Amino acid sequence: MSGYGPESGGIRFAAAAGSVSGYGGRGVDGSAYSSSEGFLFTDGLGKSWWIVFQPWEVTGSSGAGDRGDILGCSAGYGEVVHVRVLAKDVLRDDADGVFTVLRPATYEEAVRAAASISRSGR
């Protein structure tokens, strides 16, 4: 079981496809990672971002073997959600492990953490 998401005390982040820019016309429905500051990661320009594990297939269960992407999603309310793909094709267990060990506190630290996730099991 994952260390993140609603089933483990974390929260779900969702945005409909029509409100998302930068993710190939897809919506977002994943589990948000948290930092020591809460669920928002602030970048060097003072903008806030959600960092989300987006599973490729939503099956109703969150398993460690799920594959997906790590996304940075802008935190503006009532606006288009801008999405940046920080890591692609990673195992949820690997992603959760990196975010648990490194505990990034800023957006830039989260980007570096995502870049360090192994793409094992491919």
Protein backbone atom coordinates (compact mmCIF):
# COMPACT_ATOMS: atom_id res chain seq x y z
CA MET A 1 0.00 0.00 0.00
CA SER A 2 1.20 3.47 -0.81
CA GLY A 3 2.28 5.98 1.79
CA TYR A 4 0.23 8.67 0.08
CA GLY A 5 -3.33 9.30 -1.02
CA PRO A 6 -6.69 9.22 0.77
CA GLU A 7 -6.25 5.66 2.04
CA SER A 8 -3.17 6.66 4.04
CA GLY A 9 -4.12 10.09 5.31
CA GLY A 10 -2.93 11.92 2.20
CA ILE A 11 -5.20 13.74 -0.21
CA ARG A 12 -6.37 13.29 -3.77
CA PHE A 13 -5.68 15.94 -6.41
CA ALA A 14 -8.01 15.99 -9.41
CA ALA A 15 -8.55 18.32 -12.35
CA ALA A 16 -10.78 17.61 -15.35
CA ALA A 17 -9.16 17.40 -18.79
CA GLY A 18 -10.82 20.65 -19.88
CA SER A 19 -9.16 22.56 -17.06
CA VAL A 20 -5.62 21.19 -17.60
CA SER A 21 -2.85 22.59 -19.78
CA GLY A 22 0.38 20.76 -20.54
CA TYR A 23 -0.56 17.09 -20.09
CA GLY A 24 -1.59 16.12 -23.60
CA GLY A 25 -5.29 16.85 -23.17
CA ARG A 26 -5.58 14.52 -20.18
CA GLY A 27 -7.00 15.29 -16.78
CA VAL A 28 -5.27 14.62 -13.48
CA ASP A 29 -6.56 12.27 -10.77
CA GLY A 30 -3.79 11.26 -8.41
CA SER A 31 -2.37 11.41 -4.90
CA ALA A 32 -0.64 14.54 -3.64
CA TYR A 33 2.71 14.37 -1.88
CA SER A 34 3.30 16.53 1.16
CA SER A 35 6.24 18.54 2.42
CA SER A 36 7.07 19.85 5.85
CA GLU A 37 5.07 22.93 4.84
CA GLY A 38 1.90 21.05 3.85
CA PHE A 39 0.68 19.94 0.43
CA LEU A 40 1.91 22.94 -1.57
CA PHE A 41 5.50 23.32 -2.78
CA THR A 42 6.60 26.91 -3.44
CA ASP A 43 9.00 27.66 -6.29
CA GLY A 44 11.70 30.35 -6.46
CA LEU A 45 9.19 32.83 -7.90
CA GLY A 46 6.76 32.34 -5.01
CA LYS A 47 4.24 30.28 -7.01
CA SER A 48 2.65 27.24 -5.38
CA TRP A 49 2.53 23.75 -6.88
CA TRP A 50 0.97 20.41 -6.01
CA ILE A 51 3.27 17.42 -6.57
CA VAL A 52 1.14 14.46 -7.61
CA PHE A 53 1.59 10.77 -8.44
CA GLN A 54 -0.68 10.21 -11.45
CA PRO A 55 -1.30 6.49 -12.07
CA TRP A 56 -1.61 5.46 -15.69
CA GLU A 57 -4.66 3.36 -14.94
CA VAL A 58 -7.15 4.23 -12.25
CA THR A 59 -8.25 0.88 -10.84
CA GLY A 60 -9.75 1.95 -7.53
CA SER A 61 -6.80 0.59 -5.59
CA SER A 62 -3.44 2.22 -5.05
CA GLY A 63 -0.78 -0.41 -5.24
CA ALA A 64 2.96 -0.12 -4.85
CA GLY A 65 3.36 -1.71 -8.30
CA ASP A 66 1.28 0.93 -10.04
CA ARG A 67 3.10 2.79 -12.81
CA GLY A 68 2.59 6.45 -13.47
CA ASP A 69 3.99 9.94 -13.72
CA ILE A 70 5.05 12.52 -11.15
CA LEU A 71 3.40 15.82 -12.00
CA GLY A 72 3.82 19.39 -10.85
CA CYS A 73 0.36 21.05 -10.95
CA SER A 74 -0.13 24.78 -10.47
CA ALA A 75 -2.14 25.70 -7.40
CA GLY A 76 -4.19 28.63 -8.71
CA TYR A 77 -7.88 28.38 -7.86
CA GLY A 78 -10.46 28.99 -10.58
CA GLU A 79 -7.71 28.95 -13.20
CA VAL A 80 -6.37 26.51 -15.75
CA VAL A 81 -4.15 23.94 -14.02
CA HIS A 82 -0.70 24.05 -15.60
CA VAL A 83 0.96 20.64 -15.51
CA ARG A 84 4.66 19.84 -15.75
CA VAL A 85 5.75 16.21 -16.04
CA LEU A 86 8.60 15.81 -13.54
CA ALA A 87 9.10 12.03 -13.94
CA LYS A 88 7.54 9.65 -16.41
CA ASP A 89 6.94 5.90 -16.23
CA VAL A 90 7.92 5.25 -12.61
CA LEU A 91 6.72 2.72 -10.05
CA ARG A 92 4.61 4.19 -7.29
CA ASP A 93 6.65 2.35 -4.64
CA ASP A 94 9.89 3.89 -5.98
CA ALA A 95 8.34 7.37 -6.14
CA ASP A 96 6.88 7.13 -2.64
CA GLY A 97 10.24 5.89 -1.32
CA VAL A 98 12.17 8.81 -2.80
CA PHE A 99 9.69 11.40 -1.50
CA THR A 100 9.70 9.76 1.95
CA VAL A 101 13.50 9.71 2.21
CA LEU A 102 14.32 13.07 0.60
CA ARG A 103 11.31 15.02 2.01
CA PRO A 104 11.56 17.91 -0.47
CA ALA A 105 10.25 21.21 0.91
CA THR A 106 10.32 23.40 -2.22
CA TYR A 107 9.21 22.91 -5.81
CA GLU A 108 12.83 22.84 -7.00
CA GLU A 109 13.70 20.16 -4.42
CA ALA A 110 10.66 18.14 -5.58
CA VAL A 111 11.88 18.41 -9.20
CA ARG A 112 15.29 17.04 -8.16
CA ALA A 113 13.65 14.28 -6.11
CA ALA A 114 11.47 13.26 -9.06
CA ALA A 115 14.50 13.21 -11.36
CA SER A 116 16.23 10.77 -9.00
CA ILE A 117 13.44 8.16 -9.11
CA SER A 118 14.60 4.90 -10.65
CA ARG A 119 12.76 3.73 -13.74
CA SER A 120 13.19 0.12 -12.66
CA GLY A 121 10.77 -2.63 -13.50
CA ARG A 122 10.33 -1.48 -17.09
